[in-house]
C-alpha atoms as a PDB file:
ATOM      1  CA  MET A   1     -46.339 180.296 187.648  1.00  0.00           C
ATOM      2  CA  THR A   2     -47.654 177.036 186.201  1.00  0.00           C
ATOM      3  CA  SER A   3     -50.441 176.864 188.784  1.00  0.00           C
ATOM      4  CA  VAL A   4     -51.568 180.367 187.756  1.00  0.00           C
ATOM      5  CA  PHE A   5     -52.003 179.322 184.130  1.00  0.00           C
ATOM      6  CA  PHE A   6     -53.551 176.001 185.150  1.00  0.00           C
ATOM      7  CA  GLY A   7     -55.903 177.820 187.493  1.00  0.00           C
ATOM      8  CA  ARG A   8     -57.107 180.275 184.851  1.00  0.00           C
ATOM      9  CA  GLY A   9     -58.276 177.637 182.400  1.00  0.00           C
ATOM     10  CA  THR A  10     -59.683 175.481 185.144  1.00  0.00           C
ATOM     11  CA  LEU A  11     -61.446 178.463 186.729  1.00  0.00           C
ATOM     12  CA  ARG A  12     -63.120 179.258 183.402  1.00  0.00           C
ATOM     13  CA  LYS A  13     -64.297 175.643 183.073  1.00  0.00           C
ATOM     14  CA  PHE A  14     -65.542 175.659 186.660  1.00  0.00           C
ATOM     15  CA  MET A  15     -67.417 178.935 186.150  1.00  0.00           C
ATOM     16  CA  ASP A  16     -69.021 177.556 183.002  1.00  0.00           C
ATOM     17  CA  ALA A  17     -70.183 174.409 184.839  1.00  0.00           C
ATOM     18  CA  ALA A  18     -71.404 176.429 187.838  1.00  0.00           C
ATOM     19  CA  ALA A  19     -73.420 178.703 185.529  1.00  0.00           C
ATOM     20  CA  ARG A  20     -74.954 175.752 183.682  1.00  0.00           C
ATOM     21  CA  PHE A  21     -75.885 173.853 186.849  1.00  0.00           C
ATOM     22  CA  PRO A  22     -76.510 176.467 189.587  1.00  0.00           C
ATOM     23  CA  ALA A  23     -78.479 174.123 191.844  1.00  0.00           C
ATOM     24  CA  ALA A  24     -75.551 171.679 192.026  1.00  0.00           C
ATOM     25  CA  ARG A  25     -73.321 173.981 194.131  1.00  0.00           C
ATOM     26  CA  ILE A  26     -70.184 172.267 192.905  1.00  0.00           C
ATOM     27  CA  THR A  27     -67.024 172.713 194.960  1.00  0.00           C
ATOM     28  CA  PRO A  28     -63.902 174.045 193.234  1.00  0.00           C
ATOM     29  CA  SER A  29     -60.366 172.849 193.871  1.00  0.00           C
ATOM     30  CA  ASN A  30     -58.195 175.011 196.134  1.00  0.00           C
ATOM     31  CA  VAL A  31     -56.378 176.517 193.125  1.00  0.00           C
ATOM     32  CA  VAL A  32     -59.669 177.405 191.433  1.00  0.00           C
ATOM     33  CA  ASP A  33     -61.150 178.783 194.665  1.00  0.00           C
ATOM     34  CA  GLU A  34     -58.140 181.058 195.203  1.00  0.00           C
ATOM     35  CA  GLY A  35     -58.468 182.325 191.645  1.00  0.00           C
ATOM     36  CA  TRP A  36     -62.202 182.803 192.090  1.00  0.00           C
ATOM     37  CA  HIS A  37     -61.646 184.886 195.233  1.00  0.00           C
ATOM     38  CA  ALA A  38     -59.169 187.073 193.346  1.00  0.00           C
ATOM     39  CA  LEU A  39     -61.544 187.420 190.388  1.00  0.00           C
ATOM     40  CA  ILE A  40     -64.527 188.410 192.542  1.00  0.00           C
ATOM     41  CA  LEU A  41     -62.540 191.399 193.840  1.00  0.00           C
ATOM     42  CA  HIS A  42     -62.453 192.760 190.275  1.00  0.00           C
ATOM     43  CA  THR A  43     -66.190 193.368 190.169  1.00  0.00           C
ATOM     44  CA  ASN A  44     -66.370 194.848 186.652  1.00  0.00           C
ATOM     45  CA  LEU A  45     -64.457 191.923 185.179  1.00  0.00           C
ATOM     46  CA  TYR A  46     -66.488 189.402 187.196  1.00  0.00           C
ATOM     47  CA  GLU A  47     -69.746 191.005 186.076  1.00  0.00           C
ATOM     48  CA  ARG A  48     -68.685 190.819 182.404  1.00  0.00           C
ATOM     49  CA  LEU A  49     -67.705 187.161 182.776  1.00  0.00           C
ATOM     50  CA  CYS A  50     -71.031 186.309 184.406  1.00  0.00           C
ATOM     51  CA  ARG A  51     -72.902 188.100 181.617  1.00  0.00           C
ATOM     52  CA  ARG A  52     -71.045 186.017 179.042  1.00  0.00           C
ATOM     53  CA  LEU A  53     -71.954 182.891 181.007  1.00  0.00           C
ATOM     54  CA  GLY A  54     -75.610 183.923 181.011  1.00  0.00           C
ATOM     55  CA  ARG A  55     -76.056 184.180 184.774  1.00  0.00           C
ATOM     56  CA  PHE A  56     -74.407 185.459 187.930  1.00  0.00           C
ATOM     57  CA  VAL A  57     -72.381 182.715 189.615  1.00  0.00           C
ATOM     58  CA  HIS A  58     -72.635 182.990 193.396  1.00  0.00           C
ATOM     59  CA  HIS A  59     -69.779 181.952 195.640  1.00  0.00           C
ATOM     60  CA  TRP A  60     -71.108 179.738 198.419  1.00  0.00           C
ATOM     61  CA  PRO A  61     -68.532 179.556 201.245  1.00  0.00           C
ATOM     62  CA  GLU A  62     -67.824 176.072 202.492  1.00  0.00           C
ATOM     63  CA  ARG A  63     -68.780 175.506 206.094  1.00  0.00           C
ATOM     64  CA  PRO A  64     -65.997 173.688 207.894  1.00  0.00           C
ATOM     65  CA  ALA A  65     -66.800 170.322 209.411  1.00  0.00           C
ATOM     66  CA  ALA A  66     -67.627 170.505 213.122  1.00  0.00           C
ATOM     67  CA  GLY A  67     -64.482 168.603 214.138  1.00  0.00           C
ATOM     68  CA  ARG A  68     -62.280 170.811 211.997  1.00  0.00           C
ATOM     69  CA  MET A  69     -63.794 173.969 213.476  1.00  0.00           C
ATOM     70  CA  ARG A  70     -63.388 172.640 217.032  1.00  0.00           C
ATOM     71  CA  ARG A  71     -59.710 171.783 216.417  1.00  0.00           C
ATOM     72  CA  ALA A  72     -59.093 175.242 214.954  1.00  0.00           C
ATOM     73  CA  LEU A  73     -60.664 176.942 217.976  1.00  0.00           C
ATOM     74  CA  LEU A  74     -58.682 174.782 220.404  1.00  0.00           C
ATOM     75  CA  GLY A  75     -55.487 175.631 218.544  1.00  0.00           C
ATOM     76  CA  ARG A  76     -56.249 179.344 218.765  1.00  0.00           C
ATOM     77  CA  ARG A  77     -56.898 179.067 222.506  1.00  0.00           C
ATOM     78  CA  ARG A  78     -53.611 177.221 223.027  1.00  0.00           C
ATOM     79  CA  ARG A  79     -51.810 180.073 221.290  1.00  0.00           C
ATOM     80  CA  GLY A  80     -53.575 182.600 223.538  1.00  0.00           C
ATOM     81  CA  ARG A  81     -56.026 183.871 220.908  1.00  0.00           C
ATOM     82  CA  ARG A  82     -59.780 183.952 221.293  1.00  0.00           C
END
């Protein structure tokens, strides 16, 4: 429960910074990113928040590093998944 409350305040601070500096494409912590994903699903609420911030804050998915992606694919193959 503590991480939920921590995440809310931190998510708001992150969203504020992302709105102020859109070209920076700052990366959120895992807790903030999980909260952001949940918030985006509530489109009306997300739209209202973005309006208050003065701009729409886009979520830019992180591309995994090549080595990380390769290891993930190898692991899937070992488990019989494609």
